[in-house]
Amino acid sequence: MTTIGVAVVTGAGQGIGYAIARRLADAGMEVWMVARRASVLQEAAERIGGAARAFPADLTDPDARAELVDALRAAHGSVDVLVNNAGVIHLGTTEKATEDEFEEQLSANVLAPYALTRVCLPLLRAARGQIVFINSSAGKSANPGVGQFSATQHAVRAFADSLRAEVNEDGIRVTVVHPGRTASPRQQAIHEGEGKAYCPERLMRADDVAEVVHAALTIPRTAEVTEISLRPMRKS
């Protein structure tokens, strides 16, 4: 298949990130799949095949971000799509959640995508590219026991809104996606942490999110999808 652009998808080893990487590869893009766990990432890239490329990296590390951008610049000189999907979540009430957990989430969920987007902007500008932030329903509301994570998602949403106003004139589109509960290894762990039964048949599929992302990326350039909210059709 002839590639029709270069996409970078973070947190691409499993779940929503993997589904997005596979959908973009199916659409003919060369997909650079980024995640921390090298073995999981490599297996994921091999399942996709074709133009999928595994690039193991901890994006909270400035050197790792620089290495990724240098490799992209050397290989292509531009990036058509950046999907910021990687992140972590810790559950806990304000009284019980720790500062260390908050710092980890701030580093992975806010600083890392902010910094990666910032250093990728010249590559995105060269392609009049597109940026997608996979946020969360927690980025639009805040429920008990998820305050720290929700704060990080609200921060990313604010950054995306500001960024959009800065780069639209350069031809760069910025989209924020707020998925509700989606069947994935992360969601299974969240259910276990909440003491709830995990029933994936009552949740969205990662492929549902991937289809919406692909649709937002491929609408005509006369429009821009700024924000999308999805939730499972069947309510728990």
C-alpha atoms as a PDB file:
ATOM      1  CA  MET A   1       0.000   0.000   0.000  1.00  0.00           C
ATOM      2  CA  THR A   2       1.324   3.449  -0.909  1.00  0.00           C
ATOM      3  CA  THR A   3       1.549   5.671   2.150  1.00  0.00           C
ATOM      4  CA  ILE A   4      -0.387   8.926   2.112  1.00  0.00           C
ATOM      5  CA  GLY A   5       1.291  10.617   5.038  1.00  0.00           C
ATOM      6  CA  VAL A   6       3.047  10.128   8.339  1.00  0.00           C
ATOM      7  CA  ALA A   7       1.220   9.752  11.649  1.00  0.00           C
ATOM      8  CA  VAL A   8       2.599   9.579  15.177  1.00  0.00           C
ATOM      9  CA  VAL A   9       0.394   7.856  17.757  1.00  0.00           C
ATOM     10  CA  THR A  10       1.449   7.780  21.399  1.00  0.00           C
ATOM     11  CA  GLY A  11       0.290   5.133  23.851  1.00  0.00           C
ATOM     12  CA  ALA A  12      -0.091   2.897  20.795  1.00  0.00           C
ATOM     13  CA  GLY A  13       0.700  -0.461  22.352  1.00  0.00           C
ATOM     14  CA  GLN A  14      -2.874  -1.295  23.305  1.00  0.00           C
ATOM     15  CA  GLY A  15      -6.398   0.028  23.719  1.00  0.00           C
ATOM     16  CA  ILE A  16      -7.464   3.225  21.987  1.00  0.00           C
ATOM     17  CA  GLY A  17      -3.963   4.110  20.833  1.00  0.00           C
ATOM     18  CA  TYR A  18      -3.504   0.754  19.124  1.00  0.00           C
ATOM     19  CA  ALA A  19      -6.921   0.990  17.479  1.00  0.00           C
ATOM     20  CA  ILE A  20      -6.140   4.461  16.112  1.00  0.00           C
ATOM     21  CA  ALA A  21      -2.734   3.333  14.837  1.00  0.00           C
ATOM     22  CA  ARG A  22      -4.318   0.368  13.054  1.00  0.00           C
ATOM     23  CA  ARG A  23      -7.073   2.521  11.520  1.00  0.00           C
ATOM     24  CA  LEU A  24      -4.600   5.085  10.186  1.00  0.00           C
ATOM     25  CA  ALA A  25      -2.361   2.330   8.818  1.00  0.00           C
ATOM     26  CA  ASP A  26      -5.397   0.809   7.090  1.00  0.00           C
ATOM     27  CA  ALA A  27      -6.004   4.230   5.536  1.00  0.00           C
ATOM     28  CA  GLY A  28      -2.525   4.117   4.018  1.00  0.00           C
ATOM     29  CA  MET A  29      -0.475   6.145   6.480  1.00  0.00           C
ATOM     30  CA  GLU A  30       2.981   5.316   7.771  1.00  0.00           C
ATOM     31  CA  VAL A  31       2.325   5.121  11.507  1.00  0.00           C
ATOM     32  CA  TRP A  32       5.010   5.666  14.112  1.00  0.00           C
ATOM     33  CA  MET A  33       3.717   3.852  17.174  1.00  0.00           C
ATOM     34  CA  VAL A  34       5.125   5.170  20.458  1.00  0.00           C
ATOM     35  CA  ALA A  35       4.837   3.608  23.922  1.00  0.00           C
ATOM     36  CA  ARG A  36       7.014   2.759  26.905  1.00  0.00           C
ATOM     37  CA  ARG A  37       6.844  -1.046  26.873  1.00  0.00           C
ATOM     38  CA  ALA A  38       9.036  -2.098  23.972  1.00  0.00           C
ATOM     39  CA  SER A  39       7.932  -5.742  23.770  1.00  0.00           C
ATOM     40  CA  VAL A  40       4.213  -4.911  23.826  1.00  0.00           C
ATOM     41  CA  LEU A  41       4.729  -2.147  21.272  1.00  0.00           C
ATOM     42  CA  GLN A  42       6.722  -4.326  18.897  1.00  0.00           C
ATOM     43  CA  GLU A  43       4.070  -7.044  18.985  1.00  0.00           C
ATOM     44  CA  ALA A  44       1.386  -4.442  18.299  1.00  0.00           C
ATOM     45  CA  ALA A  45       3.294  -3.046  15.315  1.00  0.00           C
ATOM     46  CA  GLU A  46       3.829  -6.549  13.939  1.00  0.00           C
ATOM     47  CA  ARG A  47       0.093  -7.244  14.167  1.00  0.00           C
ATOM     48  CA  ILE A  48      -0.617  -4.163  12.099  1.00  0.00           C
ATOM     49  CA  GLY A  49       2.239  -4.820   9.686  1.00  0.00           C
ATOM     50  CA  GLY A  50       2.715  -2.745   6.578  1.00  0.00           C
ATOM     51  CA  ALA A  51       4.020   0.717   7.346  1.00  0.00           C
ATOM     52  CA  ALA A  52       3.626   0.493  11.129  1.00  0.00           C
ATOM     53  CA  ARG A  53       6.832   1.345  12.953  1.00  0.00           C
ATOM     54  CA  ALA A  54       7.489   0.760  16.664  1.00  0.00           C
ATOM     55  CA  PHE A  55       9.380   3.515  18.485  1.00  0.00           C
ATOM     56  CA  PRO A  56       9.701   2.653  22.197  1.00  0.00           C
ATOM     57  CA  ALA A  57      10.003   5.809  24.306  1.00  0.00           C
ATOM     58  CA  ASP A  58       9.036   7.248  27.671  1.00  0.00           C
ATOM     59  CA  LEU A  59       7.706  10.621  26.602  1.00  0.00           C
ATOM     60  CA  THR A  60       8.087  12.080  30.077  1.00  0.00           C
ATOM     61  CA  ASP A  61      11.847  12.023  29.296  1.00  0.00           C
ATOM     62  CA  PRO A  62      12.977  15.119  27.330  1.00  0.00           C
ATOM     63  CA  ASP A  63      15.786  13.131  25.701  1.00  0.00           C
ATOM     64  CA  ALA A  64      13.303  10.528  24.454  1.00  0.00           C
ATOM     65  CA  ARG A  65      11.089  13.241  22.950  1.00  0.00           C
ATOM     66  CA  ALA A  66      14.090  14.805  21.224  1.00  0.00           C
ATOM     67  CA  GLU A  67      15.201  11.425  19.874  1.00  0.00           C
ATOM     68  CA  LEU A  68      11.740  10.797  18.414  1.00  0.00           C
ATOM     69  CA  VAL A  69      11.559  14.195  16.741  1.00  0.00           C
ATOM     70  CA  ASP A  70      15.111  13.877  15.378  1.00  0.00           C
ATOM     71  CA  ALA A  71      14.218  10.495  13.884  1.00  0.00           C
ATOM     72  CA  LEU A  72      11.055  11.893  12.295  1.00  0.00           C
ATOM     73  CA  ARG A  73      12.923  14.869  10.900  1.00  0.00           C
ATOM     74  CA  ALA A  74      15.636  12.656   9.428  1.00  0.00           C
ATOM     75  CA  ALA A  75      13.166  10.201   7.917  1.00  0.00           C
ATOM     76  CA  HIS A  76      10.547  12.588   6.546  1.00  0.00           C
ATOM     77  CA  GLY A  77      11.025  16.233   7.468  1.00  0.00           C
ATOM     78  CA  SER A  78       7.337  16.582   8.282  1.00  0.00           C
ATOM     79  CA  VAL A  79       4.468  14.969  10.212  1.00  0.00           C
ATOM     80  CA  ASP A  80       0.890  14.892   8.950  1.00  0.00           C
ATOM     81  CA  VAL A  81      -0.878  13.678  12.110  1.00  0.00           C
ATOM     82  CA  LEU A  82       0.082  13.693  15.795  1.00  0.00           C
ATOM     83  CA  VAL A  83      -2.219  11.766  18.111  1.00  0.00           C
ATOM     84  CA  ASN A  84      -1.492  12.433  21.791  1.00  0.00           C
ATOM     85  CA  ASN A  85      -3.027   9.433  23.532  1.00  0.00           C
ATOM     86  CA  ALA A  86      -0.500   8.235  26.132  1.00  0.00           C
ATOM     87  CA  GLY A  87      -1.180   8.850  29.810  1.00  0.00           C
ATOM     88  CA  VAL A  88      -1.715   7.370  33.251  1.00  0.00           C
ATOM     89  CA  ILE A  89      -4.525   7.427  35.781  1.00  0.00           C
ATOM     90  CA  HIS A  90      -4.681   7.030  39.553  1.00  0.00           C
ATOM     91  CA  LEU A  91      -7.951   6.866  41.455  1.00  0.00           C
ATOM     92  CA  GLY A  92      -8.471   8.254  44.927  1.00  0.00           C
ATOM     93  CA  THR A  93     -10.309  10.889  46.905  1.00  0.00           C
ATOM     94  CA  THR A  94      -8.575  14.145  47.698  1.00  0.00           C
ATOM     95  CA  GLU A  95      -7.917  12.905  51.220  1.00  0.00           C
ATOM     96  CA  LYS A  96      -6.340   9.634  50.098  1.00  0.00           C
ATOM     97  CA  ALA A  97      -4.664  10.463  46.784  1.00  0.00           C
ATOM     98  CA  THR A  98      -0.984  11.347  47.132  1.00  0.00           C
ATOM     99  CA  GLU A  99       1.075  14.191  45.739  1.00  0.00           C
ATOM    100  CA  ASP A 100       3.380  11.660  44.079  1.00  0.00           C
ATOM    101  CA  GLU A 101       0.446  10.217  42.151  1.00  0.00           C
ATOM    102  CA  PHE A 102      -0.617  13.701  41.107  1.00  0.00           C
ATOM    103  CA  GLU A 103       2.895  14.563  39.943  1.00  0.00           C
ATOM    104  CA  GLU A 104       3.078  11.367  37.875  1.00  0.00           C
ATOM    105  CA  GLN A 105      -0.207  12.187  36.162  1.00  0.00           C
ATOM    106  CA  LEU A 106       0.787  15.800  35.558  1.00  0.00           C
ATOM    107  CA  SER A 107       4.056  14.648  33.999  1.00  0.00           C
ATOM    108  CA  ALA A 108       2.555  11.969  31.750  1.00  0.00           C
ATOM    109  CA  ASN A 109      -0.821  13.539  30.943  1.00  0.00           C
ATOM    110  CA  VAL A 110      -0.013  17.238  30.660  1.00  0.00           C
ATOM    111  CA  LEU A 111       3.682  18.039  30.384  1.00  0.00           C
ATOM    112  CA  ALA A 112       4.592  15.167  28.026  1.00  0.00           C
ATOM    113  CA  PRO A 113       1.927  15.857  25.359  1.00  0.00           C
ATOM    114  CA  TYR A 114       2.478  19.605  25.719  1.00  0.00           C
ATOM    115  CA  ALA A 115       6.226  19.241  25.195  1.00  0.00           C
ATOM    116  CA  LEU A 116       5.929  16.688  22.388  1.00  0.00           C
ATOM    117  CA  THR A 117       3.420  18.835  20.522  1.00  0.00           C
ATOM    118  CA  ARG A 118       5.638  21.868  20.978  1.00  0.00           C
ATOM    119  CA  VAL A 119       8.740  20.224  19.478  1.00  0.00           C
ATOM    120  CA  CYS A 120       6.678  18.641  16.675  1.00  0.00           C
ATOM    121  CA  LEU A 121       5.136  21.939  15.550  1.00  0.00           C
ATOM    122  CA  PRO A 122       7.770  22.699  12.871  1.00  0.00           C
ATOM    123  CA  LEU A 123       7.212  19.218  11.383  1.00  0.00           C
ATOM    124  CA  LEU A 124       3.442  19.635  11.542  1.00  0.00           C
ATOM    125  CA  ARG A 125       3.604  23.116  10.066  1.00  0.00           C
ATOM    126  CA  ALA A 126       5.606  21.788   7.111  1.00  0.00           C
ATOM    127  CA  ALA A 127       2.762  19.372   6.295  1.00  0.00           C
ATOM    128  CA  ARG A 128      -0.140  21.607   7.346  1.00  0.00           C
ATOM    129  CA  GLY A 129      -0.781  18.740   9.701  1.00  0.00           C
ATOM    130  CA  GLN A 130      -3.335  17.813  12.325  1.00  0.00           C
ATOM    131  CA  ILE A 131      -3.154  17.264  16.078  1.00  0.00           C
ATOM    132  CA  VAL A 132      -5.516  15.060  18.052  1.00  0.00           C
ATOM    133  CA  PHE A 133      -5.679  14.923  21.838  1.00  0.00           C
ATOM    134  CA  ILE A 134      -7.397  11.818  23.198  1.00  0.00           C
ATOM    135  CA  ASN A 135      -8.810  13.286  26.363  1.00  0.00           C
ATOM    136  CA  SER A 136     -11.580  11.751  28.497  1.00  0.00           C
ATOM    137  CA  SER A 137     -15.096  12.396  29.688  1.00  0.00           C
ATOM    138  CA  ALA A 138     -13.239  13.434  32.862  1.00  0.00           C
ATOM    139  CA  GLY A 139     -11.954  16.398  30.867  1.00  0.00           C
ATOM    140  CA  LYS A 140     -15.478  17.852  30.797  1.00  0.00           C
ATOM    141  CA  SER A 141     -16.653  16.990  34.300  1.00  0.00           C
ATOM    142  CA  ALA A 142     -15.089  15.883  37.580  1.00  0.00           C
ATOM    143  CA  ASN A 143     -16.485  13.052  39.667  1.00  0.00           C
ATOM    144  CA  PRO A 144     -15.528  11.998  43.205  1.00  0.00           C
ATOM    145  CA  GLY A 145     -12.336   9.979  43.431  1.00  0.00           C
ATOM    146  CA  VAL A 146     -10.934  11.100  40.098  1.00  0.00           C
ATOM    147  CA  GLY A 147     -10.037  14.719  40.851  1.00  0.00           C
ATOM    148  CA  GLN A 148      -6.346  14.488  40.049  1.00  0.00           C
ATOM    149  CA  PHE A 149      -6.852  12.777  36.694  1.00  0.00           C
ATOM    150  CA  SER A 150      -9.722  15.076  35.811  1.00  0.00           C
ATOM    151  CA  ALA A 151      -7.563  18.117  36.561  1.00  0.00           C
ATOM    152  CA  THR A 152      -4.960  16.891  34.063  1.00  0.00           C
ATOM    153  CA  GLN A 153      -7.588  16.343  31.390  1.00  0.00           C
ATOM    154  CA  HIS A 154      -9.051  19.816  31.912  1.00  0.00           C
ATOM    155  CA  ALA A 155      -5.530  21.213  31.565  1.00  0.00           C
ATOM    156  CA  VAL A 156      -4.964  19.432  28.257  1.00  0.00           C
ATOM    157  CA  ARG A 157      -8.300  20.687  26.949  1.00  0.00           C
ATOM    158  CA  ALA A 158      -7.300  24.257  27.814  1.00  0.00           C
ATOM    159  CA  PHE A 159      -3.934  23.839  26.136  1.00  0.00           C
ATOM    160  CA  ALA A 160      -5.579  22.451  23.004  1.00  0.00           C
ATOM    161  CA  ASP A 161      -8.001  25.392  22.814  1.00  0.00           C
ATOM    162  CA  SER A 162      -5.162  27.885  23.091  1.00  0.00           C
ATOM    163  CA  LEU A 163      -3.003  25.979  20.616  1.00  0.00           C
ATOM    164  CA  ARG A 164      -5.806  25.847  18.059  1.00  0.00           C
ATOM    165  CA  ALA A 165      -6.105  29.628  18.061  1.00  0.00           C
ATOM    166  CA  GLU A 166      -2.352  29.896  17.553  1.00  0.00           C
ATOM    167  CA  VAL A 167      -1.872  27.429  14.689  1.00  0.00           C
ATOM    168  CA  ASN A 168      -5.040  27.518  12.603  1.00  0.00           C
ATOM    169  CA  GLU A 169      -3.536  30.247  10.427  1.00  0.00           C
ATOM    170  CA  ASP A 170      -0.664  27.856   9.666  1.00  0.00           C
ATOM    171  CA  GLY A 171      -3.171  25.341   8.332  1.00  0.00           C
ATOM    172  CA  ILE A 172      -2.936  23.056  11.382  1.00  0.00           C
ATOM    173  CA  ARG A 173      -6.153  21.614  12.777  1.00  0.00           C
ATOM    174  CA  VAL A 174      -6.538  20.650  16.464  1.00  0.00           C
ATOM    175  CA  THR A 175      -9.155  18.196  17.709  1.00  0.00           C
ATOM    176  CA  VAL A 176      -9.932  17.043  21.249  1.00  0.00           C
ATOM    177  CA  VAL A 177     -11.747  13.730  21.707  1.00  0.00           C
ATOM    178  CA  HIS A 178     -13.527  12.917  24.966  1.00  0.00           C
ATOM    179  CA  PRO A 179     -14.304   9.186  25.035  1.00  0.00           C
ATOM    180  CA  GLY A 180     -16.493   7.752  27.730  1.00  0.00           C
ATOM    181  CA  ARG A 181     -15.737   4.343  29.168  1.00  0.00           C
ATOM    182  CA  THR A 182     -14.107   2.221  26.497  1.00  0.00           C
ATOM    183  CA  ALA A 183     -13.334  -1.488  26.676  1.00  0.00           C
ATOM    184  CA  SER A 184      -9.567  -1.689  27.168  1.00  0.00           C
ATOM    185  CA  PRO A 185      -6.943  -3.049  29.577  1.00  0.00           C
ATOM    186  CA  ARG A 186      -6.875   0.348  31.292  1.00  0.00           C
ATOM    187  CA  GLN A 187     -10.624   0.377  31.778  1.00  0.00           C
ATOM    188  CA  GLN A 188     -10.535  -3.131  33.177  1.00  0.00           C
ATOM    189  CA  ALA A 189      -7.975  -1.986  35.750  1.00  0.00           C
ATOM    190  CA  ILE A 190     -10.119   1.050  36.598  1.00  0.00           C
ATOM    191  CA  HIS A 191     -13.154  -1.142  37.185  1.00  0.00           C
ATOM    192  CA  GLU A 192     -11.101  -3.397  39.442  1.00  0.00           C
ATOM    193  CA  GLY A 193      -9.863  -0.357  41.373  1.00  0.00           C
ATOM    194  CA  GLU A 194     -13.435   0.805  41.821  1.00  0.00           C
ATOM    195  CA  GLY A 195     -14.552  -2.646  42.930  1.00  0.00           C
ATOM    196  CA  LYS A 196     -16.937  -2.929  39.975  1.00  0.00           C
ATOM    197  CA  ALA A 197     -17.585  -5.827  37.624  1.00  0.00           C
ATOM    198  CA  TYR A 198     -15.949  -5.280  34.235  1.00  0.00           C
ATOM    199  CA  CYS A 199     -18.550  -5.810  31.483  1.00  0.00           C
ATOM    200  CA  PRO A 200     -16.892  -4.825  28.178  1.00  0.00           C
ATOM    201  CA  GLU A 201     -20.092  -5.513  26.243  1.00  0.00           C
ATOM    202  CA  ARG A 202     -21.622  -2.461  27.949  1.00  0.00           C
ATOM    203  CA  LEU A 203     -18.753  -0.186  26.952  1.00  0.00           C
ATOM    204  CA  MET A 204     -17.615   1.428  23.725  1.00  0.00           C
ATOM    205  CA  ARG A 205     -14.981  -0.312  21.643  1.00  0.00           C
ATOM    206  CA  ALA A 206     -11.581   1.189  20.983  1.00  0.00           C
ATOM    207  CA  ASP A 207     -12.385   0.825  17.277  1.00  0.00           C
ATOM    208  CA  ASP A 208     -15.356   3.173  17.775  1.00  0.00           C
ATOM    209  CA  VAL A 209     -12.996   5.920  18.914  1.00  0.00           C
ATOM    210  CA  ALA A 210     -10.576   5.161  16.094  1.00  0.00           C
ATOM    211  CA  GLU A 211     -13.324   5.537  13.490  1.00  0.00           C
ATOM    212  CA  VAL A 212     -14.347   8.908  14.897  1.00  0.00           C
ATOM    213  CA  VAL A 213     -10.740  10.113  14.900  1.00  0.00           C
ATOM    214  CA  HIS A 214     -10.269   9.026  11.296  1.00  0.00           C
ATOM    215  CA  ALA A 215     -13.474  10.787  10.286  1.00  0.00           C
ATOM    216  CA  ALA A 216     -12.374  14.021  11.955  1.00  0.00           C
ATOM    217  CA  LEU A 217      -9.009  13.868  10.201  1.00  0.00           C
ATOM    218  CA  THR A 218     -10.466  13.320   6.758  1.00  0.00           C
ATOM    219  CA  ILE A 219     -13.240  15.919   6.527  1.00  0.00           C
ATOM    220  CA  PRO A 220     -12.583  18.662   3.937  1.00  0.00           C
ATOM    221  CA  ARG A 221     -10.180  21.421   4.916  1.00  0.00           C
ATOM    222  CA  THR A 222     -12.974  23.965   4.793  1.00  0.00           C
ATOM    223  CA  ALA A 223     -13.927  22.787   8.310  1.00  0.00           C
ATOM    224  CA  GLU A 224     -12.335  21.724  11.570  1.00  0.00           C
ATOM    225  CA  VAL A 225     -13.690  19.351  14.196  1.00  0.00           C
ATOM    226  CA  THR A 226     -12.694  21.036  17.425  1.00  0.00           C
ATOM    227  CA  GLU A 227     -14.185  18.728  20.044  1.00  0.00           C
ATOM    228  CA  ILE A 228     -15.945  15.358  20.095  1.00  0.00           C
ATOM    229  CA  SER A 229     -17.653  13.572  22.983  1.00  0.00           C
ATOM    230  CA  LEU A 230     -18.531   9.880  22.836  1.00  0.00           C
ATOM    231  CA  ARG A 231     -20.173   7.610  25.356  1.00  0.00           C
ATOM    232  CA  PRO A 232     -21.379   4.017  25.413  1.00  0.00           C
ATOM    233  CA  MET A 233     -24.808   3.510  23.868  1.00  0.00           C
ATOM    234  CA  ARG A 234     -25.824   1.235  26.740  1.00  0.00           C
ATOM    235  CA  LYS A 235     -25.655   3.039  30.071  1.00  0.00           C
ATOM    236  CA  SER A 236     -24.471   1.223  33.162  1.00  0.00           C
END
